[in-house]
Amino acid sequence: MKTLNYEYNDMNCKVILEIGSYQNNGRLYLGLINRYSGDYFLDITVNLTYESLDKHMAFIDDFAKSCGVIQFIEENQLGKVMSGQGHSGYNNYTIVKFDIEKLREFNKEGVDQYLQDLKKRECRDKKNKSKGMER
C-alpha cells in the first residue's frame, strides 16, 4: 500500500489509508493508520445512519475536520467537498464525495471489499423492495 503524508500544525506523519464499510448500512469508511507503528491514527468518516447519502459519499468526523483532514483530502485529491451537511444532535457534518479510483491507488483491497459489500447491500435492498411490492 502506498503511504500518504499527513501534516497538521507541527505534526508530520506517514499514514496508510484504511478503507472499509460500515456494517449496518454499507457506507464508506475511511481512517488513517500510522505507517510505522501500525497504530490507529484518525477516523476520517463518521456514520450518520439516519442521514441519506449517495454512493461513495461520506460524512467527515468533526474531530478529524478540526485536525485538518479536509485539507488532507483536497491536497491528495481523494475527494471533493459537497454542498449540504449531515446533522446529528447539535453537530453539522461536512459531506465529501470520494474518488474511488484515487482511493484504489492507496488501498486496492479495501476499495474492492467496500465495492463488494456495496453491491451485496444494493442487491439485498432491491430484493427486499421487490418483495414488498408483491404483497
N, C-alpha and C. Protein backbone atom coordinates (compact mmCIF):
# COMPACT_ATOMS: atom_id res chain seq x y z
N MET A 1 0.82 -1.18 0.00
CA MET A 1 0.00 0.00 0.00
C MET A 1 0.87 1.25 0.00
N LYS A 2 0.41 2.22 -0.75
CA LYS A 2 1.12 3.49 -0.79
C LYS A 2 0.85 4.28 0.49
N THR A 3 1.84 5.01 0.91
CA THR A 3 1.67 5.84 2.10
C THR A 3 1.35 7.28 1.68
N LEU A 4 0.78 7.99 2.61
CA LEU A 4 0.46 9.40 2.43
C LEU A 4 1.13 10.17 3.55
N ASN A 5 1.38 11.42 3.30
CA ASN A 5 1.95 12.29 4.32
C ASN A 5 0.83 13.12 4.92
N TYR A 6 0.66 13.02 6.24
CA TYR A 6 -0.38 13.79 6.93
C TYR A 6 0.31 14.87 7.75
N GLU A 7 0.02 16.12 7.39
CA GLU A 7 0.62 17.25 8.09
C GLU A 7 -0.47 18.10 8.73
N TYR A 8 -0.26 18.43 9.99
CA TYR A 8 -1.19 19.31 10.69
C TYR A 8 -0.41 20.02 11.78
N ASN A 9 -0.49 21.34 11.78
CA ASN A 9 0.31 22.16 12.69
C ASN A 9 1.77 21.73 12.57
N ASP A 10 2.40 21.31 13.66
CA ASP A 10 3.80 20.89 13.60
C ASP A 10 3.95 19.38 13.44
N MET A 11 2.86 18.68 13.27
CA MET A 11 2.88 17.22 13.17
C MET A 11 3.06 16.81 11.71
N ASN A 12 3.90 15.81 11.50
CA ASN A 12 4.11 15.25 10.18
C ASN A 12 4.21 13.74 10.35
N CYS A 13 3.29 13.01 9.74
CA CYS A 13 3.23 11.57 9.95
C CYS A 13 2.96 10.84 8.64
N LYS A 14 3.62 9.73 8.42
CA LYS A 14 3.34 8.86 7.28
C LYS A 14 2.18 7.95 7.68
N VAL A 15 1.14 7.92 6.84
CA VAL A 15 -0.05 7.16 7.16
C VAL A 15 -0.46 6.25 6.00
N ILE A 16 -1.23 5.24 6.36
CA ILE A 16 -1.84 4.33 5.39
C ILE A 16 -3.34 4.57 5.45
N LEU A 17 -3.96 4.60 4.32
CA LEU A 17 -5.40 4.81 4.23
C LEU A 17 -6.13 3.48 4.47
N GLU A 18 -6.95 3.46 5.50
CA GLU A 18 -7.78 2.29 5.79
C GLU A 18 -9.14 2.54 5.15
N ILE A 19 -9.62 1.57 4.38
CA ILE A 19 -10.89 1.71 3.67
C ILE A 19 -11.76 0.50 3.97
N GLY A 20 -13.02 0.78 4.27
CA GLY A 20 -13.96 -0.30 4.55
C GLY A 20 -15.37 0.23 4.43
N SER A 21 -16.29 -0.52 5.04
CA SER A 21 -17.68 -0.08 5.03
C SER A 21 -18.29 -0.32 6.40
N TYR A 22 -19.25 0.51 6.72
CA TYR A 22 -19.98 0.34 7.98
C TYR A 22 -20.94 -0.84 7.82
N GLN A 23 -20.95 -1.73 8.79
CA GLN A 23 -21.73 -2.96 8.67
C GLN A 23 -23.23 -2.73 8.60
N ASN A 24 -23.74 -1.73 9.29
CA ASN A 24 -25.19 -1.57 9.34
C ASN A 24 -25.81 -1.01 8.06
N ASN A 25 -25.00 -0.31 7.24
CA ASN A 25 -25.57 0.28 6.03
C ASN A 25 -24.64 0.26 4.82
N GLY A 26 -23.46 -0.29 4.96
CA GLY A 26 -22.54 -0.44 3.83
C GLY A 26 -21.89 0.84 3.35
N ARG A 27 -22.07 1.93 4.06
CA ARG A 27 -21.46 3.18 3.64
C ARG A 27 -19.94 3.14 3.79
N LEU A 28 -19.32 4.03 3.06
CA LEU A 28 -17.86 4.12 3.01
C LEU A 28 -17.27 4.57 4.35
N TYR A 29 -16.28 3.82 4.81
CA TYR A 29 -15.50 4.20 5.99
C TYR A 29 -14.07 4.48 5.55
N LEU A 30 -13.49 5.55 6.06
CA LEU A 30 -12.08 5.86 5.84
C LEU A 30 -11.43 6.20 7.17
N GLY A 31 -10.24 5.70 7.35
CA GLY A 31 -9.45 6.01 8.53
C GLY A 31 -7.98 6.04 8.16
N LEU A 32 -7.16 6.48 9.09
CA LEU A 32 -5.71 6.53 8.87
C LEU A 32 -5.00 5.69 9.92
N ILE A 33 -3.98 4.98 9.46
CA ILE A 33 -3.15 4.14 10.31
C ILE A 33 -1.72 4.66 10.23
N ASN A 34 -1.04 4.74 11.37
CA ASN A 34 0.36 5.16 11.38
C ASN A 34 1.19 4.13 10.62
N ARG A 35 1.92 4.58 9.63
CA ARG A 35 2.70 3.69 8.75
C ARG A 35 3.75 2.89 9.51
N TYR A 36 4.37 3.50 10.49
CA TYR A 36 5.49 2.84 11.17
C TYR A 36 5.07 1.97 12.34
N SER A 37 4.12 2.43 13.13
CA SER A 37 3.71 1.65 14.30
C SER A 37 2.55 0.71 14.01
N GLY A 38 1.77 1.02 12.95
CA GLY A 38 0.59 0.23 12.65
C GLY A 38 -0.59 0.58 13.54
N ASP A 39 -0.42 1.60 14.39
CA ASP A 39 -1.48 2.00 15.31
C ASP A 39 -2.52 2.87 14.60
N TYR A 40 -3.73 2.81 15.12
CA TYR A 40 -4.80 3.69 14.67
C TYR A 40 -4.32 5.13 14.80
N PHE A 41 -4.62 5.95 13.81
CA PHE A 41 -4.21 7.35 13.83
C PHE A 41 -5.42 8.28 13.89
N LEU A 42 -6.40 8.07 13.00
CA LEU A 42 -7.53 9.00 12.92
C LEU A 42 -8.66 8.40 12.09
N ASP A 43 -9.89 8.53 12.57
CA ASP A 43 -11.06 8.21 11.75
C ASP A 43 -11.37 9.44 10.91
N ILE A 44 -11.49 9.25 9.61
CA ILE A 44 -11.84 10.36 8.73
C ILE A 44 -13.35 10.52 8.66
N THR A 45 -14.06 9.41 8.60
CA THR A 45 -15.50 9.46 8.42
C THR A 45 -16.25 9.07 9.69
N VAL A 46 -17.54 9.44 9.69
CA VAL A 46 -18.45 9.07 10.76
C VAL A 46 -19.73 8.57 10.10
N ASN A 47 -20.39 7.63 10.74
CA ASN A 47 -21.60 7.03 10.18
C ASN A 47 -22.85 7.67 10.79
N LEU A 48 -23.57 8.44 9.99
CA LEU A 48 -24.84 9.02 10.42
C LEU A 48 -25.95 8.21 9.77
N THR A 49 -26.42 7.23 10.49
CA THR A 49 -27.35 6.23 9.96
C THR A 49 -28.62 6.83 9.36
N TYR A 50 -29.16 7.87 9.97
CA TYR A 50 -30.46 8.39 9.54
C TYR A 50 -30.38 9.52 8.52
N GLU A 51 -29.18 9.80 8.05
CA GLU A 51 -29.00 10.80 7.00
C GLU A 51 -28.77 10.08 5.67
N SER A 52 -29.36 10.58 4.60
CA SER A 52 -29.18 9.93 3.30
C SER A 52 -27.92 10.45 2.60
N LEU A 53 -27.32 9.55 1.83
CA LEU A 53 -26.09 9.86 1.08
C LEU A 53 -26.09 9.08 -0.22
N ASP A 54 -25.45 9.63 -1.23
CA ASP A 54 -25.23 8.89 -2.47
C ASP A 54 -24.00 8.00 -2.32
N LYS A 55 -23.83 7.11 -3.29
CA LYS A 55 -22.67 6.21 -3.29
C LYS A 55 -21.37 6.99 -3.23
N HIS A 56 -20.42 6.43 -2.54
CA HIS A 56 -19.06 6.95 -2.43
C HIS A 56 -18.95 8.28 -1.71
N MET A 57 -20.03 8.67 -1.05
CA MET A 57 -20.01 9.87 -0.22
C MET A 57 -19.91 9.45 1.24
N ALA A 58 -19.37 10.35 2.05
CA ALA A 58 -19.27 10.07 3.48
C ALA A 58 -19.30 11.38 4.25
N PHE A 59 -19.70 11.26 5.51
CA PHE A 59 -19.66 12.40 6.43
C PHE A 59 -18.30 12.44 7.10
N ILE A 60 -17.74 13.62 7.22
CA ILE A 60 -16.42 13.79 7.81
C ILE A 60 -16.55 13.98 9.32
N ASP A 61 -15.78 13.20 10.05
CA ASP A 61 -15.75 13.27 11.51
C ASP A 61 -15.35 14.67 11.96
N ASP A 62 -16.06 15.20 12.95
CA ASP A 62 -15.78 16.56 13.46
C ASP A 62 -14.35 16.71 13.97
N PHE A 63 -13.89 15.73 14.75
CA PHE A 63 -12.53 15.82 15.29
C PHE A 63 -11.51 15.81 14.15
N ALA A 64 -11.72 14.93 13.17
CA ALA A 64 -10.81 14.85 12.03
C ALA A 64 -10.79 16.17 11.27
N LYS A 65 -11.98 16.77 11.13
CA LYS A 65 -12.07 18.05 10.44
C LYS A 65 -11.26 19.11 11.18
N SER A 66 -11.34 19.08 12.50
CA SER A 66 -10.59 20.06 13.30
C SER A 66 -9.08 19.82 13.23
N CYS A 67 -8.70 18.63 12.78
CA CYS A 67 -7.27 18.29 12.64
C CYS A 67 -6.79 18.42 11.20
N GLY A 68 -7.54 19.13 10.37
CA GLY A 68 -7.08 19.41 9.01
C GLY A 68 -7.34 18.33 7.98
N VAL A 69 -8.28 17.44 8.23
CA VAL A 69 -8.48 16.34 7.30
C VAL A 69 -9.08 16.79 5.96
N ILE A 70 -9.85 17.86 5.95
CA ILE A 70 -10.39 18.36 4.67
C ILE A 70 -9.23 18.80 3.77
N GLN A 71 -8.28 19.50 4.32
CA GLN A 71 -7.10 19.91 3.54
C GLN A 71 -6.33 18.68 3.05
N PHE A 72 -6.20 17.67 3.90
CA PHE A 72 -5.54 16.40 3.54
C PHE A 72 -6.26 15.75 2.35
N ILE A 73 -7.58 15.69 2.40
CA ILE A 73 -8.37 15.09 1.33
C ILE A 73 -8.17 15.86 0.03
N GLU A 74 -8.23 17.18 0.10
CA GLU A 74 -8.08 18.00 -1.10
C GLU A 74 -6.67 17.95 -1.66
N GLU A 75 -5.66 18.04 -0.80
CA GLU A 75 -4.27 18.01 -1.28
C GLU A 75 -3.93 16.70 -1.97
N ASN A 76 -4.53 15.61 -1.51
CA ASN A 76 -4.25 14.29 -2.08
C ASN A 76 -5.28 13.89 -3.14
N GLN A 77 -6.17 14.81 -3.46
CA GLN A 77 -7.21 14.62 -4.48
C GLN A 77 -8.01 13.34 -4.24
N LEU A 78 -8.33 13.08 -2.98
CA LEU A 78 -9.08 11.87 -2.62
C LEU A 78 -10.58 12.05 -2.82
N GLY A 79 -11.04 13.29 -2.81
CA GLY A 79 -12.46 13.55 -2.94
C GLY A 79 -12.74 15.03 -3.03
N LYS A 80 -14.03 15.31 -3.13
CA LYS A 80 -14.48 16.70 -3.29
C LYS A 80 -15.53 17.01 -2.23
N VAL A 81 -15.38 18.15 -1.57
CA VAL A 81 -16.36 18.60 -0.59
C VAL A 81 -17.64 18.99 -1.33
N MET A 82 -18.76 18.48 -0.85
CA MET A 82 -20.05 18.72 -1.48
C MET A 82 -20.82 19.80 -0.71
N SER A 83 -21.83 20.35 -1.35
CA SER A 83 -22.70 21.28 -0.64
C SER A 83 -23.63 20.46 0.24
N GLY A 84 -24.20 21.08 1.22
CA GLY A 84 -25.07 20.37 2.14
C GLY A 84 -24.27 19.80 3.30
N GLN A 85 -24.98 19.38 4.32
CA GLN A 85 -24.34 18.81 5.51
C GLN A 85 -25.23 17.73 6.10
N GLY A 86 -24.59 16.87 6.89
CA GLY A 86 -25.33 15.92 7.69
C GLY A 86 -25.50 16.50 9.09
N HIS A 87 -26.51 16.03 9.80
CA HIS A 87 -26.80 16.58 11.12
C HIS A 87 -27.01 15.45 12.12
N SER A 88 -26.48 15.64 13.29
CA SER A 88 -26.71 14.72 14.40
C SER A 88 -26.57 15.53 15.68
N GLY A 89 -27.63 15.57 16.46
CA GLY A 89 -27.59 16.40 17.67
C GLY A 89 -27.35 17.84 17.28
N TYR A 90 -26.37 18.45 17.92
CA TYR A 90 -26.04 19.85 17.64
C TYR A 90 -24.92 19.99 16.61
N ASN A 91 -24.46 18.87 16.07
CA ASN A 91 -23.32 18.91 15.15
C ASN A 91 -23.76 18.87 13.69
N ASN A 92 -22.99 19.55 12.86
CA ASN A 92 -23.15 19.50 11.41
C ASN A 92 -21.91 18.84 10.84
N TYR A 93 -22.11 17.97 9.85
CA TYR A 93 -21.01 17.20 9.30
C TYR A 93 -20.85 17.47 7.81
N THR A 94 -19.64 17.77 7.40
CA THR A 94 -19.30 18.01 6.01
C THR A 94 -19.44 16.71 5.22
N ILE A 95 -19.93 16.83 3.99
CA ILE A 95 -20.07 15.68 3.09
C ILE A 95 -18.98 15.75 2.04
N VAL A 96 -18.31 14.62 1.82
CA VAL A 96 -17.30 14.52 0.77
C VAL A 96 -17.68 13.36 -0.15
N LYS A 97 -17.59 13.61 -1.45
CA LYS A 97 -17.73 12.54 -2.44
C LYS A 97 -16.31 12.09 -2.79
N PHE A 98 -16.01 10.85 -2.45
CA PHE A 98 -14.67 10.33 -2.65
C PHE A 98 -14.49 9.76 -4.05
N ASP A 99 -13.29 9.93 -4.57
CA ASP A 99 -12.90 9.40 -5.87
C ASP A 99 -12.43 7.96 -5.65
N ILE A 100 -13.27 7.00 -6.00
CA ILE A 100 -12.96 5.59 -5.72
C ILE A 100 -11.69 5.14 -6.42
N GLU A 101 -11.48 5.59 -7.64
CA GLU A 101 -10.26 5.17 -8.36
C GLU A 101 -9.01 5.74 -7.70
N LYS A 102 -9.10 6.95 -7.19
CA LYS A 102 -7.96 7.54 -6.48
C LYS A 102 -7.72 6.77 -5.18
N LEU A 103 -8.79 6.44 -4.45
CA LEU A 103 -8.64 5.66 -3.22
C LEU A 103 -8.00 4.31 -3.51
N ARG A 104 -8.36 3.72 -4.64
CA ARG A 104 -7.82 2.40 -5.03
C ARG A 104 -6.30 2.44 -5.15
N GLU A 105 -5.76 3.58 -5.54
CA GLU A 105 -4.29 3.71 -5.65
C GLU A 105 -3.61 3.52 -4.29
N PHE A 106 -4.33 3.82 -3.23
CA PHE A 106 -3.74 3.75 -1.89
C PHE A 106 -4.13 2.50 -1.12
N ASN A 107 -5.24 1.87 -1.48
CA ASN A 107 -5.65 0.65 -0.78
C ASN A 107 -6.63 -0.12 -1.67
N LYS A 108 -6.06 -0.87 -2.61
CA LYS A 108 -6.87 -1.62 -3.58
C LYS A 108 -7.77 -2.63 -2.89
N GLU A 109 -7.24 -3.36 -1.93
CA GLU A 109 -8.01 -4.39 -1.24
C GLU A 109 -9.20 -3.79 -0.49
N GLY A 110 -8.97 -2.67 0.17
CA GLY A 110 -10.04 -2.01 0.91
C GLY A 110 -11.15 -1.52 0.00
N VAL A 111 -10.79 -0.92 -1.13
CA VAL A 111 -11.79 -0.44 -2.08
C VAL A 111 -12.55 -1.61 -2.68
N ASP A 112 -11.84 -2.68 -3.05
CA ASP A 112 -12.52 -3.84 -3.62
C ASP A 112 -13.52 -4.43 -2.63
N GLN A 113 -13.14 -4.51 -1.36
CA GLN A 113 -14.05 -5.04 -0.35
C GLN A 113 -15.25 -4.12 -0.16
N TYR A 114 -15.01 -2.82 -0.11
CA TYR A 114 -16.10 -1.84 0.01
C TYR A 114 -17.08 -1.99 -1.14
N LEU A 115 -16.57 -2.08 -2.37
CA LEU A 115 -17.44 -2.19 -3.54
C LEU A 115 -18.22 -3.51 -3.54
N GLN A 116 -17.57 -4.57 -3.08
CA GLN A 116 -18.25 -5.86 -2.97
C GLN A 116 -19.38 -5.79 -1.92
N ASP A 117 -19.09 -5.19 -0.78
CA ASP A 117 -20.11 -5.02 0.26
C ASP A 117 -21.27 -4.15 -0.24
N LEU A 118 -20.93 -3.09 -0.97
CA LEU A 118 -21.94 -2.18 -1.52
C LEU A 118 -22.85 -2.91 -2.49
N LYS A 119 -22.26 -3.72 -3.35
CA LYS A 119 -23.03 -4.48 -4.34
C LYS A 119 -23.97 -5.46 -3.64
N LYS A 120 -23.49 -6.15 -2.62
CA LYS A 120 -24.33 -7.09 -1.87
C LYS A 120 -25.51 -6.35 -1.24
N ARG A 121 -25.23 -5.20 -0.64
CA ARG A 121 -26.29 -4.43 0.02
C ARG A 121 -27.31 -3.95 -1.01
N GLU A 122 -26.85 -3.47 -2.16
CA GLU A 122 -27.77 -2.99 -3.20
C GLU A 122 -28.66 -4.13 -3.70
N CYS A 123 -28.08 -5.32 -3.89
CA CYS A 123 -28.87 -6.49 -4.32
C CYS A 123 -29.90 -6.86 -3.26
N ARG A 124 -29.47 -6.86 -2.00
CA ARG A 124 -30.38 -7.20 -0.91
C ARG A 124 -31.51 -6.17 -0.80
N ASP A 125 -31.16 -4.87 -0.92
CA ASP A 125 -32.17 -3.82 -0.85
C ASP A 125 -33.17 -3.94 -2.01
N LYS A 126 -32.65 -4.23 -3.19
CA LYS A 126 -33.51 -4.38 -4.37
C LYS A 126 -34.45 -5.57 -4.19
N LYS A 127 -33.92 -6.65 -3.66
CA LYS A 127 -34.72 -7.86 -3.42
C LYS A 127 -35.81 -7.57 -2.38
N ASN A 128 -35.45 -6.85 -1.32
CA ASN A 128 -36.42 -6.51 -0.28
C ASN A 128 -37.52 -5.59 -0.81
N LYS A 129 -37.16 -4.66 -1.68
CA LYS A 129 -38.16 -3.76 -2.27
C LYS A 129 -39.12 -4.53 -3.14
N SER A 130 -38.60 -5.46 -3.94
CA SER A 130 -39.47 -6.23 -4.83
C SER A 130 -40.39 -7.15 -4.03
N LYS A 131 -39.92 -7.68 -2.91
CA LYS A 131 -40.77 -8.50 -2.05
C LYS A 131 -41.89 -7.66 -1.46
N GLY A 132 -41.59 -6.45 -1.10
CA GLY A 132 -42.60 -5.54 -0.55
C GLY A 132 -43.66 -5.19 -1.57
N MET A 133 -43.30 -5.12 -2.83
CA MET A 133 -44.24 -4.78 -3.89
C MET A 133 -45.17 -5.95 -4.21
N GLU A 134 -44.72 -7.19 -3.96
CA GLU A 134 -45.52 -8.38 -4.23
C GLU A 134 -46.68 -8.52 -3.25
N ARG A 135 -46.57 -7.96 -2.09
CA ARG A 135 -47.58 -8.14 -1.04
C ARG A 135 -48.84 -7.40 -1.32
